[in-house]
Amino acid sequence: MAERFRKPGIIEQQEGFVDLKILVKKARRGDEEVVILITWESEEHWKKWEKSDAHIAGHKQRRNEAKPEYILNVEVGHYEVKAVKQAAQSASAED
């Protein structure tokens, strides 16, 4: 699953796209959990992507394909960033 999202795609060229992170939870008992985290500059940018011809065409193309057996569940969630912490600047970096 993660391999599919590692390849370059059209999403990187979309206005407002910030980044895409692939998170893989360490497997216990053989099952692996993969989370794809996509960040946009704004909700409006995300909505524009969701309604774009490129996004819709990509999903239509896969609609007729059988879901691979290794995919047990697909869940989509929308989150709003409330806080971000950055690494503290070291004293030597400020000189």
PDB file of N, CA and C in Angstrom:
ATOM      1  N   MET A   1       0.823  -1.195   0.000  1.00  0.00           N
ATOM      2  CA  MET A   1       0.000   0.000   0.000  1.00  0.00           C
ATOM      3  C   MET A   1       0.866   1.257   0.000  1.00  0.00           C
ATOM      4  N   ALA A   2       1.862   1.269   0.869  1.00  0.00           N
ATOM      5  CA  ALA A   2       2.724   2.452   0.960  1.00  0.00           C
ATOM      6  C   ALA A   2       3.456   2.700  -0.351  1.00  0.00           C
ATOM      7  N   GLU A   3       3.771   1.643  -1.077  1.00  0.00           N
ATOM      8  CA  GLU A   3       4.506   1.790  -2.343  1.00  0.00           C
ATOM      9  C   GLU A   3       3.732   2.650  -3.338  1.00  0.00           C
ATOM     10  N   ARG A   4       2.430   2.488  -3.379  1.00  0.00           N
ATOM     11  CA  ARG A   4       1.607   3.239  -4.327  1.00  0.00           C
ATOM     12  C   ARG A   4       1.718   4.747  -4.088  1.00  0.00           C
ATOM     13  N   PHE A   5       1.814   5.134  -2.835  1.00  0.00           N
ATOM     14  CA  PHE A   5       1.873   6.554  -2.509  1.00  0.00           C
ATOM     15  C   PHE A   5       3.288   7.119  -2.571  1.00  0.00           C
ATOM     16  N   ARG A   6       4.300   6.257  -2.664  1.00  0.00           N
ATOM     17  CA  ARG A   6       5.687   6.732  -2.781  1.00  0.00           C
ATOM     18  C   ARG A   6       5.987   7.267  -4.175  1.00  0.00           C
ATOM     19  N   LYS A   7       5.289   6.758  -5.160  1.00  0.00           N
ATOM     20  CA  LYS A   7       5.530   7.173  -6.543  1.00  0.00           C
ATOM     21  C   LYS A   7       5.075   8.619  -6.739  1.00  0.00           C
ATOM     22  N   PRO A   8       5.781   9.367  -7.599  1.00  0.00           N
ATOM     23  CA  PRO A   8       5.322  10.729  -7.888  1.00  0.00           C
ATOM     24  C   PRO A   8       3.913  10.692  -8.486  1.00  0.00           C
ATOM     25  N   GLY A   9       3.126  11.676  -8.150  1.00  0.00           N
ATOM     26  CA  GLY A   9       1.758  11.731  -8.659  1.00  0.00           C
ATOM     27  C   GLY A   9       1.347  13.159  -8.950  1.00  0.00           C
ATOM     28  N   ILE A  10       0.110  13.312  -9.350  1.00  0.00           N
ATOM     29  CA  ILE A  10      -0.365  14.646  -9.710  1.00  0.00           C
ATOM     30  C   ILE A  10      -0.692  15.501  -8.489  1.00  0.00           C
ATOM     31  N   ILE A  11      -0.868  14.859  -7.348  1.00  0.00           N
ATOM     32  CA  ILE A  11      -1.231  15.633  -6.155  1.00  0.00           C
ATOM     33  C   ILE A  11      -0.145  16.643  -5.792  1.00  0.00           C
ATOM     34  N   GLU A  12       1.111  16.294  -6.042  1.00  0.00           N
ATOM     35  CA  GLU A  12       2.216  17.196  -5.702  1.00  0.00           C
ATOM     36  C   GLU A  12       2.175  18.499  -6.498  1.00  0.00           C
ATOM     37  N   GLN A  13       1.472  18.484  -7.606  1.00  0.00           N
ATOM     38  CA  GLN A  13       1.396  19.664  -8.470  1.00  0.00           C
ATOM     39  C   GLN A  13       0.173  20.532  -8.177  1.00  0.00           C
ATOM     40  N   GLN A  14      -0.652  20.104  -7.231  1.00  0.00           N
ATOM     41  CA  GLN A  14      -1.896  20.823  -6.961  1.00  0.00           C
ATOM     42  C   GLN A  14      -1.662  22.057  -6.105  1.00  0.00           C
ATOM     43  N   GLU A  15      -2.375  23.110  -6.425  1.00  0.00           N
ATOM     44  CA  GLU A  15      -2.286  24.345  -5.653  1.00  0.00           C
ATOM     45  C   GLU A  15      -2.705  24.080  -4.208  1.00  0.00           C
ATOM     46  N   GLY A  16      -1.906  24.538  -3.270  1.00  0.00           N
ATOM     47  CA  GLY A  16      -2.228  24.390  -1.858  1.00  0.00           C
ATOM     48  C   GLY A  16      -1.729  23.110  -1.222  1.00  0.00           C
ATOM     49  N   PHE A  17      -1.185  22.191  -2.019  1.00  0.00           N
ATOM     50  CA  PHE A  17      -0.647  20.949  -1.466  1.00  0.00           C
ATOM     51  C   PHE A  17       0.605  21.277  -0.661  1.00  0.00           C
ATOM     52  N   VAL A  18       0.696  20.765   0.569  1.00  0.00           N
ATOM     53  CA  VAL A  18       1.865  21.003   1.419  1.00  0.00           C
ATOM     54  C   VAL A  18       2.762  19.778   1.437  1.00  0.00           C
ATOM     55  N   ASP A  19       2.219  18.643   1.866  1.00  0.00           N
ATOM     56  CA  ASP A  19       3.016  17.421   1.892  1.00  0.00           C
ATOM     57  C   ASP A  19       2.134  16.192   2.070  1.00  0.00           C
ATOM     58  N   LEU A  20       2.739  15.040   1.864  1.00  0.00           N
ATOM     59  CA  LEU A  20       2.079  13.751   2.037  1.00  0.00           C
ATOM     60  C   LEU A  20       3.043  12.886   2.830  1.00  0.00           C
ATOM     61  N   LYS A  21       2.573  12.362   3.952  1.00  0.00           N
ATOM     62  CA  LYS A  21       3.400  11.504   4.799  1.00  0.00           C
ATOM     63  C   LYS A  21       2.806  10.102   4.797  1.00  0.00           C
ATOM     64  N   ILE A  22       3.678   9.106   4.733  1.00  0.00           N
ATOM     65  CA  ILE A  22       3.261   7.709   4.806  1.00  0.00           C
ATOM     66  C   ILE A  22       3.730   7.184   6.154  1.00  0.00           C
ATOM     67  N   LEU A  23       2.791   6.848   7.013  1.00  0.00           N
ATOM     68  CA  LEU A  23       3.099   6.339   8.345  1.00  0.00           C
ATOM     69  C   LEU A  23       2.768   4.853   8.380  1.00  0.00           C
ATOM     70  N   VAL A  24       3.717   4.050   8.833  1.00  0.00           N
ATOM     71  CA  VAL A  24       3.501   2.612   8.922  1.00  0.00           C
ATOM     72  C   VAL A  24       3.672   2.194  10.376  1.00  0.00           C
ATOM     73  N   LYS A  25       2.604   1.675  10.953  1.00  0.00           N
ATOM     74  CA  LYS A  25       2.632   1.214  12.334  1.00  0.00           C
ATOM     75  C   LYS A  25       3.366  -0.112  12.384  1.00  0.00           C
ATOM     76  N   LYS A  26       4.243  -0.257  13.357  1.00  0.00           N
ATOM     77  CA  LYS A  26       4.985  -1.507  13.487  1.00  0.00           C
ATOM     78  C   LYS A  26       4.004  -2.658  13.656  1.00  0.00           C
ATOM     79  N   ALA A  27       4.259  -3.701  12.912  1.00  0.00           N
ATOM     80  CA  ALA A  27       3.325  -4.831  12.855  1.00  0.00           C
ATOM     81  C   ALA A  27       3.433  -5.718  14.087  1.00  0.00           C
ATOM     82  N   ARG A  28       2.281  -6.128  14.560  1.00  0.00           N
ATOM     83  CA  ARG A  28       2.190  -7.168  15.587  1.00  0.00           C
ATOM     84  C   ARG A  28       1.306  -8.249  14.994  1.00  0.00           C
ATOM     85  N   ARG A  29       1.697  -9.450  15.135  1.00  0.00           N
ATOM     86  CA  ARG A  29       0.938 -10.595  14.621  1.00  0.00           C
ATOM     87  C   ARG A  29       0.738 -10.516  13.111  1.00  0.00           C
ATOM     88  N   GLY A  30       1.648  -9.860  12.418  1.00  0.00           N
ATOM     89  CA  GLY A  30       1.607  -9.874  10.965  1.00  0.00           C
ATOM     90  C   GLY A  30       0.794  -8.784  10.296  1.00  0.00           C
ATOM     91  N   ASP A  31      -0.125  -8.140  11.012  1.00  0.00           N
ATOM     92  CA  ASP A  31      -0.912  -7.067  10.404  1.00  0.00           C
ATOM     93  C   ASP A  31      -0.139  -5.758  10.471  1.00  0.00           C
ATOM     94  N   GLU A  32      -0.226  -4.979   9.419  1.00  0.00           N
ATOM     95  CA  GLU A  32       0.465  -3.700   9.343  1.00  0.00           C
ATOM     96  C   GLU A  32      -0.574  -2.614   9.102  1.00  0.00           C
ATOM     97  N   GLU A  33      -0.441  -1.519   9.792  1.00  0.00           N
ATOM     98  CA  GLU A  33      -1.368  -0.405   9.593  1.00  0.00           C
ATOM     99  C   GLU A  33      -0.627   0.720   8.886  1.00  0.00           C
ATOM    100  N   VAL A  34      -1.217   1.209   7.802  1.00  0.00           N
ATOM    101  CA  VAL A  34      -0.627   2.298   7.026  1.00  0.00           C
ATOM    102  C   VAL A  34      -1.577   3.488   7.081  1.00  0.00           C
ATOM    103  N   VAL A  35      -1.031   4.647   7.417  1.00  0.00           N
ATOM    104  CA  VAL A  35      -1.805   5.882   7.449  1.00  0.00           C
ATOM    105  C   VAL A  35      -1.173   6.841   6.449  1.00  0.00           C
ATOM    106  N   ILE A  36      -1.985   7.378   5.572  1.00  0.00           N
ATOM    107  CA  ILE A  36      -1.534   8.380   4.612  1.00  0.00           C
ATOM    108  C   ILE A  36      -2.044   9.723   5.128  1.00  0.00           C
ATOM    109  N   LEU A  37      -1.118  10.613   5.458  1.00  0.00           N
ATOM    110  CA  LEU A  37      -1.462  11.917   6.012  1.00  0.00           C
ATOM    111  C   LEU A  37      -1.129  12.987   4.978  1.00  0.00           C
ATOM    112  N   ILE A  38      -2.156  13.645   4.473  1.00  0.00           N
ATOM    113  CA  ILE A  38      -1.975  14.675   3.447  1.00  0.00           C
ATOM    114  C   ILE A  38      -2.313  16.028   4.065  1.00  0.00           C
ATOM    115  N   THR A  39      -1.410  16.988   3.893  1.00  0.00           N
ATOM    116  CA  THR A  39      -1.598  18.320   4.457  1.00  0.00           C
ATOM    117  C   THR A  39      -1.804  19.334   3.337  1.00  0.00           C
ATOM    118  N   TRP A  40      -2.808  20.170   3.527  1.00  0.00           N
ATOM    119  CA  TRP A  40      -3.136  21.236   2.579  1.00  0.00           C
ATOM    120  C   TRP A  40      -3.002  22.575   3.274  1.00  0.00           C
ATOM    121  N   GLU A  41      -2.766  23.632   2.501  1.00  0.00           N
ATOM    122  CA  GLU A  41      -2.675  24.982   3.056  1.00  0.00           C
ATOM    123  C   GLU A  41      -3.993  25.408   3.684  1.00  0.00           C
ATOM    124  N   SER A  42      -5.103  24.945   3.116  1.00  0.00           N
ATOM    125  CA  SER A  42      -6.417  25.331   3.635  1.00  0.00           C
ATOM    126  C   SER A  42      -7.448  24.274   3.261  1.00  0.00           C
ATOM    127  N   GLU A  43      -8.587  24.334   3.915  1.00  0.00           N
ATOM    128  CA  GLU A  43      -9.690  23.432   3.586  1.00  0.00           C
ATOM    129  C   GLU A  43     -10.179  23.686   2.167  1.00  0.00           C
ATOM    130  N   GLU A  44     -10.128  24.930   1.733  1.00  0.00           N
ATOM    131  CA  GLU A  44     -10.554  25.274   0.374  1.00  0.00           C
ATOM    132  C   GLU A  44      -9.666  24.591  -0.671  1.00  0.00           C
ATOM    133  N   HIS A  45      -8.363  24.548  -0.418  1.00  0.00           N
ATOM    134  CA  HIS A  45      -7.454  23.861  -1.344  1.00  0.00           C
ATOM    135  C   HIS A  45      -7.786  22.371  -1.411  1.00  0.00           C
ATOM    136  N   TRP A  46      -8.061  21.771  -0.256  1.00  0.00           N
ATOM    137  CA  TRP A  46      -8.414  20.352  -0.230  1.00  0.00           C
ATOM    138  C   TRP A  46      -9.709  20.108  -1.002  1.00  0.00           C
ATOM    139  N   LYS A  47     -10.721  20.952  -0.785  1.00  0.00           N
ATOM    140  CA  LYS A  47     -12.000  20.785  -1.482  1.00  0.00           C
ATOM    141  C   LYS A  47     -11.820  20.910  -2.995  1.00  0.00           C
ATOM    142  N   LYS A  48     -10.974  21.845  -3.402  1.00  0.00           N
ATOM    143  CA  LYS A  48     -10.696  22.019  -4.833  1.00  0.00           C
ATOM    144  C   LYS A  48     -10.071  20.749  -5.407  1.00  0.00           C
ATOM    145  N   TRP A  49      -9.156  20.128  -4.661  1.00  0.00           N
ATOM    146  CA  TRP A  49      -8.528  18.872  -5.090  1.00  0.00           C
ATOM    147  C   TRP A  49      -9.566  17.756  -5.166  1.00  0.00           C
ATOM    148  N   GLU A  50     -10.405  17.629  -4.153  1.00  0.00           N
ATOM    149  CA  GLU A  50     -11.426  16.580  -4.122  1.00  0.00           C
ATOM    150  C   GLU A  50     -12.364  16.661  -5.324  1.00  0.00           C
ATOM    151  N   LYS A  51     -12.648  17.871  -5.781  1.00  0.00           N
ATOM    152  CA  LYS A  51     -13.573  18.074  -6.898  1.00  0.00           C
ATOM    153  C   LYS A  51     -12.874  18.132  -8.251  1.00  0.00           C
ATOM    154  N   SER A  52     -11.547  18.046  -8.247  1.00  0.00           N
ATOM    155  CA  SER A  52     -10.800  18.188  -9.503  1.00  0.00           C
ATOM    156  C   SER A  52     -11.004  16.976 -10.415  1.00  0.00           C
ATOM    157  N   ASP A  53     -10.914  17.221 -11.706  1.00  0.00           N
ATOM    158  CA  ASP A  53     -11.044  16.141 -12.693  1.00  0.00           C
ATOM    159  C   ASP A  53      -9.982  15.071 -12.473  1.00  0.00           C
ATOM    160  N   ALA A  54      -8.762  15.488 -12.136  1.00  0.00           N
ATOM    161  CA  ALA A  54      -7.657  14.539 -11.938  1.00  0.00           C
ATOM    162  C   ALA A  54      -7.937  13.593 -10.772  1.00  0.00           C
ATOM    163  N   HIS A  55      -8.428  14.129  -9.664  1.00  0.00           N
ATOM    164  CA  HIS A  55      -8.724  13.303  -8.491  1.00  0.00           C
ATOM    165  C   HIS A  55      -9.871  12.337  -8.775  1.00  0.00           C
ATOM    166  N   ILE A  56     -10.922  12.840  -9.378  1.00  0.00           N
ATOM    167  CA  ILE A  56     -12.089  12.007  -9.695  1.00  0.00           C
ATOM    168  C   ILE A  56     -11.721  10.916 -10.687  1.00  0.00           C
ATOM    169  N   ALA A  57     -10.933  11.257 -11.704  1.00  0.00           N
ATOM    170  CA  ALA A  57     -10.522  10.264 -12.706  1.00  0.00           C
ATOM    171  C   ALA A  57      -9.695   9.152 -12.074  1.00  0.00           C
ATOM    172  N   GLY A  58      -8.817   9.496 -11.145  1.00  0.00           N
ATOM    173  CA  GLY A  58      -8.005   8.486 -10.468  1.00  0.00           C
ATOM    174  C   GLY A  58      -8.844   7.492  -9.687  1.00  0.00           C
ATOM    175  N   HIS A  59      -9.880   7.973  -9.034  1.00  0.00           N
ATOM    176  CA  HIS A  59     -10.753   7.080  -8.274  1.00  0.00           C
ATOM    177  C   HIS A  59     -11.666   6.270  -9.190  1.00  0.00           C
ATOM    178  N   LYS A  60     -12.130   6.852 -10.281  1.00  0.00           N
ATOM    179  CA  LYS A  60     -12.963   6.106 -11.234  1.00  0.00           C
ATOM    180  C   LYS A  60     -12.171   4.956 -11.839  1.00  0.00           C
ATOM    181  N   GLN A  61     -10.899   5.206 -12.101  1.00  0.00           N
ATOM    182  CA  GLN A  61     -10.045   4.182 -12.698  1.00  0.00           C
ATOM    183  C   GLN A  61      -9.938   2.965 -11.783  1.00  0.00           C
ATOM    184  N   ARG A  62      -9.873   3.189 -10.476  1.00  0.00           N
ATOM    185  CA  ARG A  62      -9.719   2.082  -9.523  1.00  0.00           C
ATOM    186  C   ARG A  62     -11.056   1.477  -9.101  1.00  0.00           C
ATOM    187  N   ARG A  63     -12.147   2.132  -9.410  1.00  0.00           N
ATOM    188  CA  ARG A  63     -13.467   1.674  -8.963  1.00  0.00           C
ATOM    189  C   ARG A  63     -13.773   0.251  -9.427  1.00  0.00           C
ATOM    190  N   ASN A  64     -13.356  -0.094 -10.640  1.00  0.00           N
ATOM    191  CA  ASN A  64     -13.653  -1.418 -11.193  1.00  0.00           C
ATOM    192  C   ASN A  64     -12.611  -2.470 -10.828  1.00  0.00           C
ATOM    193  N   GLU A  65     -11.564  -2.056 -10.124  1.00  0.00           N
ATOM    194  CA  GLU A  65     -10.539  -3.010  -9.703  1.00  0.00           C
ATOM    195  C   GLU A  65     -10.953  -3.646  -8.382  1.00  0.00           C
ATOM    196  N   ALA A  66     -10.627  -4.916  -8.227  1.00  0.00           N
ATOM    197  CA  ALA A  66     -10.903  -5.589  -6.962  1.00  0.00           C
ATOM    198  C   ALA A  66      -9.957  -5.053  -5.893  1.00  0.00           C
ATOM    199  N   LYS A  67     -10.475  -4.875  -4.688  1.00  0.00           N
ATOM    200  CA  LYS A  67      -9.644  -4.404  -3.586  1.00  0.00           C
ATOM    201  C   LYS A  67      -8.670  -5.517  -3.212  1.00  0.00           C
ATOM    202  N   PRO A  68      -7.380  -5.213  -3.104  1.00  0.00           N
ATOM    203  CA  PRO A  68      -6.411  -6.250  -2.726  1.00  0.00           C
ATOM    204  C   PRO A  68      -6.774  -6.870  -1.379  1.00  0.00           C
ATOM    205  N   GLU A  69      -6.502  -8.157  -1.230  1.00  0.00           N
ATOM    206  CA  GLU A  69      -6.853  -8.872   0.002  1.00  0.00           C
ATOM    207  C   GLU A  69      -6.160  -8.305   1.228  1.00  0.00           C
ATOM    208  N   TYR A  70      -4.985  -7.713   1.046  1.00  0.00           N
ATOM    209  CA  TYR A  70      -4.246  -7.196   2.199  1.00  0.00           C
ATOM    210  C   TYR A  70      -4.857  -5.913   2.768  1.00  0.00           C
ATOM    211  N   ILE A  71      -5.797  -5.304   2.069  1.00  0.00           N
ATOM    212  CA  ILE A  71      -6.482  -4.122   2.601  1.00  0.00           C
ATOM    213  C   ILE A  71      -7.709  -4.594   3.366  1.00  0.00           C
ATOM    214  N   LEU A  72      -7.672  -4.427   4.677  1.00  0.00           N
ATOM    215  CA  LEU A  72      -8.769  -4.873   5.519  1.00  0.00           C
ATOM    216  C   LEU A  72      -9.825  -3.789   5.711  1.00  0.00           C
ATOM    217  N   ASN A  73      -9.386  -2.532   5.725  1.00  0.00           N
ATOM    218  CA  ASN A  73     -10.300  -1.436   6.008  1.00  0.00           C
ATOM    219  C   ASN A  73      -9.731  -0.141   5.430  1.00  0.00           C
ATOM    220  N   VAL A  74     -10.603   0.705   4.954  1.00  0.00           N
ATOM    221  CA  VAL A  74     -10.210   2.033   4.488  1.00  0.00           C
ATOM    222  C   VAL A  74     -11.075   3.042   5.232  1.00  0.00           C
ATOM    223  N   GLU A  75     -10.424   4.017   5.823  1.00  0.00           N
ATOM    224  CA  GLU A  75     -11.130   5.021   6.601  1.00  0.00           C
ATOM    225  C   GLU A  75     -10.588   6.393   6.215  1.00  0.00           C
ATOM    226  N   VAL A  76     -11.471   7.353   6.039  1.00  0.00           N
ATOM    227  CA  VAL A  76     -11.060   8.708   5.698  1.00  0.00           C
ATOM    228  C   VAL A  76     -11.498   9.631   6.830  1.00  0.00           C
ATOM    229  N   GLY A  77     -10.575  10.456   7.289  1.00  0.00           N
ATOM    230  CA  GLY A  77     -10.883  11.416   8.345  1.00  0.00           C
ATOM    231  C   GLY A  77     -10.314  12.774   7.987  1.00  0.00           C
ATOM    232  N   HIS A  78     -10.919  13.801   8.509  1.00  0.00           N
ATOM    233  CA  HIS A  78     -10.473  15.170   8.257  1.00  0.00           C
ATOM    234  C   HIS A  78     -10.144  15.790   9.607  1.00  0.00           C
ATOM    235  N   TYR A  79      -8.964  16.332   9.711  1.00  0.00           N
ATOM    236  CA  TYR A  79      -8.496  16.892  10.970  1.00  0.00           C
ATOM    237  C   TYR A  79      -8.059  18.334  10.771  1.00  0.00           C
ATOM    238  N   GLU A  80      -8.288  19.146  11.771  1.00  0.00           N
ATOM    239  CA  GLU A  80      -7.843  20.535  11.759  1.00  0.00           C
ATOM    240  C   GLU A  80      -6.654  20.651  12.704  1.00  0.00           C
ATOM    241  N   VAL A  81      -5.575  21.250  12.233  1.00  0.00           N
ATOM    242  CA  VAL A  81      -4.378  21.424  13.056  1.00  0.00           C
ATOM    243  C   VAL A  81      -4.648  22.525  14.071  1.00  0.00           C
ATOM    244  N   LYS A  82      -4.478  22.203  15.340  1.00  0.00           N
ATOM    245  CA  LYS A  82      -4.696  23.172  16.415  1.00  0.00           C
ATOM    246  C   LYS A  82      -3.383  23.707  16.975  1.00  0.00           C
ATOM    247  N   ALA A  83      -2.307  22.939  16.829  1.00  0.00           N
ATOM    248  CA  ALA A  83      -1.006  23.384  17.330  1.00  0.00           C
ATOM    249  C   ALA A  83       0.094  22.609  16.631  1.00  0.00           C
ATOM    250  N   VAL A  84       1.228  23.264  16.449  1.00  0.00           N
ATOM    251  CA  VAL A  84       2.422  22.633  15.886  1.00  0.00           C
ATOM    252  C   VAL A  84       3.599  23.090  16.729  1.00  0.00           C
ATOM    253  N   LYS A  85       4.450  22.167  17.117  1.00  0.00           N
ATOM    254  CA  LYS A  85       5.671  22.518  17.839  1.00  0.00           C
ATOM    255  C   LYS A  85       6.858  22.218  16.948  1.00  0.00           C
ATOM    256  N   GLN A  86       7.815  23.118  16.969  1.00  0.00           N
ATOM    257  CA  GLN A  86       9.045  22.960  16.200  1.00  0.00           C
ATOM    258  C   GLN A  86      10.187  22.709  17.177  1.00  0.00           C
ATOM    259  N   ALA A  87      11.267  22.145  16.666  1.00  0.00           N
ATOM    260  CA  ALA A  87      12.450  21.926  17.485  1.00  0.00           C
ATOM    261  C   ALA A  87      12.988  23.271  17.962  1.00  0.00           C
ATOM    262  N   ALA A  88      13.473  23.301  19.191  1.00  0.00           N
ATOM    263  CA  ALA A  88      14.057  24.524  19.734  1.00  0.00           C
ATOM    264  C   ALA A  88      15.371  24.817  19.027  1.00  0.00           C
ATOM    265  N   GLN A  89      15.659  26.094  18.824  1.00  0.00           N
ATOM    266  CA  GLN A  89      16.921  26.498  18.206  1.00  0.00           C
ATOM    267  C   GLN A  89      18.033  26.345  19.231  1.00  0.00           C
ATOM    268  N   SER A  90      19.134  25.755  18.812  1.00  0.00           N
ATOM    269  CA  SER A  90      20.271  25.627  19.723  1.00  0.00           C
ATOM    270  C   SER A  90      20.988  26.967  19.819  1.00  0.00           C
ATOM    271  N   ALA A  91      21.735  27.165  20.893  1.00  0.00           N
ATOM    272  CA  ALA A  91      22.450  28.427  21.115  1.00  0.00           C
ATOM    273  C   ALA A  91      23.454  28.696  20.002  1.00  0.00           C
ATOM    274  N   SER A  92      24.106  27.648  19.487  1.00  0.00           N
ATOM    275  CA  SER A  92      25.107  27.840  18.434  1.00  0.00           C
ATOM    276  C   SER A  92      24.464  28.259  17.120  1.00  0.00           C
ATOM    277  N   ALA A  93      23.226  27.869  16.880  1.00  0.00           N
ATOM    278  CA  ALA A  93      22.543  28.232  15.639  1.00  0.00           C
ATOM    279  C   ALA A  93      22.155  29.708  15.630  1.00  0.00           C
ATOM    280  N   GLU A  94      22.025  30.302  16.818  1.00  0.00           N
ATOM    281  CA  GLU A  94      21.636  31.701  16.912  1.00  0.00           C
ATOM    282  C   GLU A  94      22.814  32.645  16.726  1.00  0.00           C
ATOM    283  N   ASP A  95      24.030  32.152  16.858  1.00  0.00           N
ATOM    284  CA  ASP A  95      25.233  32.999  16.725  1.00  0.00           C
ATOM    285  C   ASP A  95      25.509  33.375  15.302  1.00  0.00           C
TER     286      ASP A  95
END
